[in-house]
Protein backbone atom coordinates (compact mmCIF):
# COMPACT_ATOMS: atom_id res chain seq x y z
CA UNK A 1 26.04 -6.47 -6.58
CA UNK A 2 22.93 -6.80 -8.73
CA UNK A 3 20.63 -3.80 -8.89
CA UNK A 4 17.37 -4.36 -7.02
CA UNK A 5 14.51 -3.48 -9.35
CA UNK A 6 11.16 -2.22 -8.17
CA UNK A 7 7.98 -3.91 -9.41
CA UNK A 8 4.20 -3.70 -9.26
CA UNK A 9 2.08 -6.83 -8.88
CA UNK A 10 -1.65 -7.49 -8.61
CA UNK A 11 -2.04 -9.42 -5.34
CA UNK A 12 -5.83 -9.45 -5.08
CA UNK A 13 -8.65 -9.14 -7.59
CA UNK A 14 -8.77 -9.25 -11.37
CA UNK A 15 -5.51 -10.11 -13.17
CA UNK A 16 -4.04 -11.44 -9.91
CA UNK A 17 -0.40 -12.36 -10.44
CA UNK A 18 0.16 -9.78 -13.18
CA UNK A 19 3.60 -8.32 -12.50
CA UNK A 20 5.47 -5.44 -14.13
CA UNK A 21 9.13 -4.80 -13.35
CA UNK A 22 10.32 -1.23 -13.82
CA UNK A 23 12.97 -0.39 -16.40
CA UNK A 24 14.48 2.32 -14.18
CA UNK A 25 13.97 2.64 -10.44
CA UNK A 26 12.13 5.85 -9.49
CA UNK A 27 14.26 8.76 -8.34
CA UNK A 28 11.89 9.47 -5.48
CA UNK A 29 8.65 8.35 -3.86
CA UNK A 30 6.09 10.56 -2.16
CA UNK A 31 4.07 9.06 0.70
CA UNK A 32 1.29 11.19 2.16
CA UNK A 33 -0.61 10.43 5.37
CA UNK A 34 -4.08 11.72 6.17
CA UNK A 35 -7.00 11.08 8.49
CA UNK A 36 -10.21 9.74 6.99
CA UNK A 37 -13.90 9.77 7.87
CA UNK A 38 -15.83 12.01 10.24
CA UNK A 39 -17.49 11.00 13.49
CA UNK A 40 -21.25 11.46 13.32
CA UNK A 41 -21.48 11.47 9.56
CA UNK A 42 -25.23 12.01 9.78
CA UNK A 43 -24.66 15.53 11.15
CA UNK A 44 -24.12 18.27 8.61
CA UNK A 45 -21.15 20.60 8.72
CA UNK A 46 -23.53 23.44 9.55
CA UNK A 47 -24.97 21.54 12.52
CA UNK A 48 -21.54 20.74 13.84
CA UNK A 49 -20.53 24.38 13.51
CA UNK A 50 -23.66 25.63 15.32
CA UNK A 51 -23.08 23.19 18.16
CA UNK A 52 -19.39 24.10 18.22
CA UNK A 53 -18.56 20.39 17.94
CA UNK A 54 -15.26 19.69 16.16
CA UNK A 55 -15.38 17.18 13.32
CA UNK A 56 -13.37 14.23 14.61
CA UNK A 57 -11.50 11.96 12.23
CA UNK A 58 -12.03 8.24 12.68
CA UNK A 59 -9.37 6.60 10.53
CA UNK A 60 -5.92 6.94 9.05
CA UNK A 61 -4.71 6.32 5.51
CA UNK A 62 -1.85 7.00 3.18
CA UNK A 63 -1.22 7.56 -0.51
CA UNK A 64 1.79 6.83 -2.67
CA UNK A 65 2.83 8.88 -5.70
CA UNK A 66 5.70 8.09 -8.04
CA UNK A 67 6.92 8.36 -11.63
CA UNK A 68 8.18 5.35 -13.58
CA UNK A 69 10.19 5.54 -16.78
CA UNK A 70 10.03 2.79 -19.41
CA UNK A 71 12.36 2.68 -22.39
CA UNK A 72 12.54 0.22 -25.30
CA UNK A 73 14.93 2.08 -27.60
CA UNK A 74 17.34 -0.86 -27.70
CA UNK A 75 14.73 -3.46 -28.66
CA UNK A 76 12.72 -1.11 -30.87
CA UNK A 77 9.45 -2.56 -29.54
CA UNK A 78 6.44 -0.43 -28.70
CA UNK A 79 6.86 0.71 -25.10
CA UNK A 80 3.11 0.48 -24.64
CA UNK A 81 3.40 -3.32 -24.64
CA UNK A 82 4.71 -2.80 -21.10
CA UNK A 83 2.71 0.20 -19.93
CA UNK A 84 -0.61 -1.34 -20.99
CA UNK A 85 -0.04 -4.01 -18.35
CA UNK A 86 -0.08 -1.20 -15.79
CA UNK A 87 -3.41 -0.03 -17.17
CA UNK A 88 -4.77 -3.56 -16.68
CA UNK A 89 -4.03 -3.19 -12.96
CA UNK A 90 -6.87 -0.67 -12.73
CA UNK A 91 -9.50 -2.90 -14.35
CA UNK A 92 -12.18 -3.84 -11.78
CA UNK A 93 -13.38 -7.40 -11.31
CA UNK A 94 -16.27 -8.69 -13.39
CA UNK A 95 -19.73 -8.66 -11.84
CA UNK A 96 -21.31 -11.95 -10.82
CA UNK A 97 -23.87 -12.94 -13.48
CA UNK A 98 -26.16 -14.23 -10.72
CA UNK A 99 -26.10 -10.97 -8.82
CA UNK A 100 -25.96 -7.82 -10.89
CA UNK A 101 -25.87 -5.70 -7.74
CA UNK A 102 -22.36 -6.79 -6.79
CA UNK A 103 -19.96 -3.87 -7.12
CA UNK A 104 -16.84 -4.85 -9.07
CA UNK A 105 -13.80 -4.67 -6.81
CA UNK A 106 -10.73 -2.69 -7.82
CA UNK A 107 -7.58 -4.84 -7.81
CA UNK A 108 -5.15 -4.44 -4.94
CA UNK A 109 -1.66 -3.80 -6.27
CA UNK A 110 1.63 -4.13 -4.42
CA UNK A 111 4.51 -1.79 -5.12
CA UNK A 112 7.76 -3.25 -3.83
CA UNK A 113 11.28 -1.87 -3.97
CA UNK A 114 13.71 -3.62 -1.64
CA UNK A 115 12.37 -3.17 1.91
CA UNK A 116 9.74 -0.65 0.81
CA UNK A 117 6.29 -2.16 0.32
CA UNK A 118 2.92 -0.52 -0.34
CA UNK A 119 -0.42 -2.26 -0.94
CA UNK A 120 -3.24 -0.27 -2.49
CA UNK A 121 -5.52 0.60 -5.38
CA UNK A 122 -4.16 2.53 -8.34
CA UNK A 123 -6.26 5.68 -8.37
CA UNK A 124 -4.73 7.36 -11.39
CA UNK A 125 -2.27 6.53 -14.13
CA UNK A 126 -0.98 9.18 -16.52
CA UNK A 127 1.28 8.11 -19.36
CA UNK A 128 3.45 10.52 -21.35
CA UNK A 129 5.03 9.17 -24.54
CA UNK A 130 8.34 10.98 -24.93
CA UNK A 131 10.32 9.43 -27.77
CA UNK A 132 9.29 7.90 -31.09
CA UNK A 133 11.20 5.94 -33.72
CA UNK A 134 11.34 7.07 -37.34
CA UNK A 135 8.48 4.65 -37.98
CA UNK A 136 6.33 6.40 -35.36
CA UNK A 137 6.67 3.69 -32.71
CA UNK A 138 6.69 5.05 -29.12
CA UNK A 139 9.90 3.94 -27.41
CA UNK A 140 9.95 5.86 -24.14
CA UNK A 141 7.20 6.64 -21.65
CA UNK A 142 6.90 8.22 -18.23
CA UNK A 143 4.02 6.88 -16.15
CA UNK A 144 2.79 8.88 -13.14
CA UNK A 145 1.03 6.64 -10.61
CA UNK A 146 -1.07 7.47 -7.59
CA UNK A 147 -2.12 4.73 -5.16
CA UNK A 148 -4.39 4.71 -2.11
CA UNK A 149 -3.43 2.35 0.69
CA UNK A 150 -5.66 -0.71 1.15
CA UNK A 151 -5.34 -3.53 3.70
CA UNK A 152 -5.21 -7.06 2.32
CA UNK A 153 -7.72 -9.67 3.42
CA UNK A 154 -6.57 -12.51 5.69
CA UNK A 155 -6.36 -15.10 2.91
CA UNK A 156 -3.98 -12.97 0.89
CA UNK A 157 -1.87 -12.17 3.94
CA UNK A 158 -1.61 -15.84 4.93
CA UNK A 159 -0.31 -16.69 1.45
CA UNK A 160 2.47 -14.11 1.60
CA UNK A 161 6.05 -15.13 2.15
CA UNK A 162 7.15 -14.46 5.75
CA UNK A 163 8.27 -10.91 6.36
CA UNK A 164 6.85 -9.45 3.15
CA UNK A 165 4.26 -7.13 4.66
CA UNK A 166 2.06 -6.03 7.51
CA UNK A 167 -0.82 -8.35 8.37
CA UNK A 168 -4.33 -7.04 7.74
CA UNK A 169 -5.29 -7.72 11.35
CA UNK A 170 -2.72 -5.17 12.55
CA UNK A 171 -4.04 -2.44 10.28
CA UNK A 172 -3.03 -1.33 6.81
CA UNK A 173 0.57 -1.29 5.71
CA UNK A 174 2.13 2.14 5.82
CA UNK A 175 4.62 1.74 3.01
CA UNK A 176 7.61 0.20 4.75
CA UNK A 177 7.66 -3.48 5.58
CA UNK A 178 9.05 -3.54 9.15
CA UNK A 179 6.59 -0.96 10.46
CA UNK A 180 3.06 -1.44 11.82
CA UNK A 181 0.47 1.17 12.71
CA UNK A 182 -1.72 0.60 15.77
CA UNK A 183 -5.49 0.86 15.44
CA UNK A 184 -8.08 1.80 18.07
CA UNK A 185 -8.09 -0.76 20.90
CA UNK A 186 -4.77 -2.38 19.96
CA UNK A 187 -2.30 -3.44 22.64
CA UNK A 188 1.36 -4.17 22.11
CA UNK A 189 0.87 -7.74 23.32
CA UNK A 190 -1.90 -8.28 20.78
CA UNK A 191 0.08 -6.81 17.89
CA UNK A 192 3.16 -8.83 18.84
CA UNK A 193 1.12 -12.03 19.03
CA UNK A 194 -0.43 -11.52 15.61
CA UNK A 195 3.00 -10.77 14.16
CA UNK A 196 4.35 -14.04 15.60
CA UNK A 197 6.66 -12.41 18.15
CA UNK A 198 4.34 -12.52 21.17
CA UNK A 199 7.04 -13.59 23.66
CA UNK A 200 9.14 -10.55 22.86
CA UNK A 201 6.60 -7.79 23.46
CA UNK A 202 8.61 -6.33 26.37
CA UNK A 203 11.69 -6.02 24.20
CA UNK A 204 9.56 -4.48 21.45
CA UNK A 205 8.20 -1.96 23.97
CA UNK A 206 11.72 -0.93 24.94
CA UNK A 207 12.89 -0.74 21.35
CA UNK A 208 9.96 1.54 20.46
CA UNK A 209 10.08 3.62 23.69
CA UNK A 210 6.57 2.51 24.71
CA UNK A 211 5.82 3.29 28.37
CA UNK A 212 2.40 1.59 28.54
CA UNK A 213 2.20 -1.42 26.17
CA UNK A 214 -1.43 -2.05 27.19
CA UNK A 215 -2.61 1.39 26.09
CA UNK A 216 -1.32 2.37 22.66
CA UNK A 217 -2.38 5.65 21.10
CA UNK A 218 -4.19 5.08 17.81
CA UNK A 219 -1.81 5.64 14.91
CA UNK A 220 1.36 4.73 16.85
CA UNK A 221 4.01 3.53 14.39
CA UNK A 222 5.88 0.48 15.65
CA UNK A 223 8.79 -1.65 14.56
CA UNK A 224 7.88 -5.25 15.42
CA UNK A 225 10.80 -6.66 13.46
CA UNK A 226 13.40 -6.49 16.21
CA UNK A 227 16.01 -9.19 16.89
CA UNK A 228 14.57 -12.08 18.93
CA UNK A 229 17.62 -12.23 21.18
CA UNK A 230 17.09 -8.73 22.63
CA UNK A 231 17.47 -8.93 26.41
CA UNK A 232 14.07 -9.23 28.06
């Protein structure tokens, strides 16, 4: 059986389509989840404290951290020919010449390894050159990446191959392709419909142990990718 290699690819923004396959699959991935934003941002922390009002979080996000090893000792080529492509994945889009006020967008990059998928912006990239040839050519590098999760726009989602990720309308991907995270106001029927499995929402409710499919708690993690022939 062929080894499945992980890869990173720019799916939206500058250098779209740029793809880098890893030389060695990472030994581990770290996914962190955190709430984001504060209700009533106009109120200061001191005011909230005086009023004894707890700062309520309004969103949910995740980050991905991993180390990738690249090695070109067999070919003798500079390993940076590969790692510089990763650096290009951070380059923001060029401003519109007709509107200098447009903020350049940071590319959205997909990390994919088998059934694991994560869409986000690369926040940091640290490269350590670890082995040099006698001619001083770097042949091995470890690249530490940190990515913040970002939802894709509808055009990008519609152009994806079926089953390759979570649709933007259902909230941001959480790192693993079959799973979807509910957002405020979502219902199981609505999520199932947008995922193309609307007729099977009752089976999805049973498979995910959902008692009230019309009232989902924000942040509920669901598997919408259940077999269609599950008994209704």
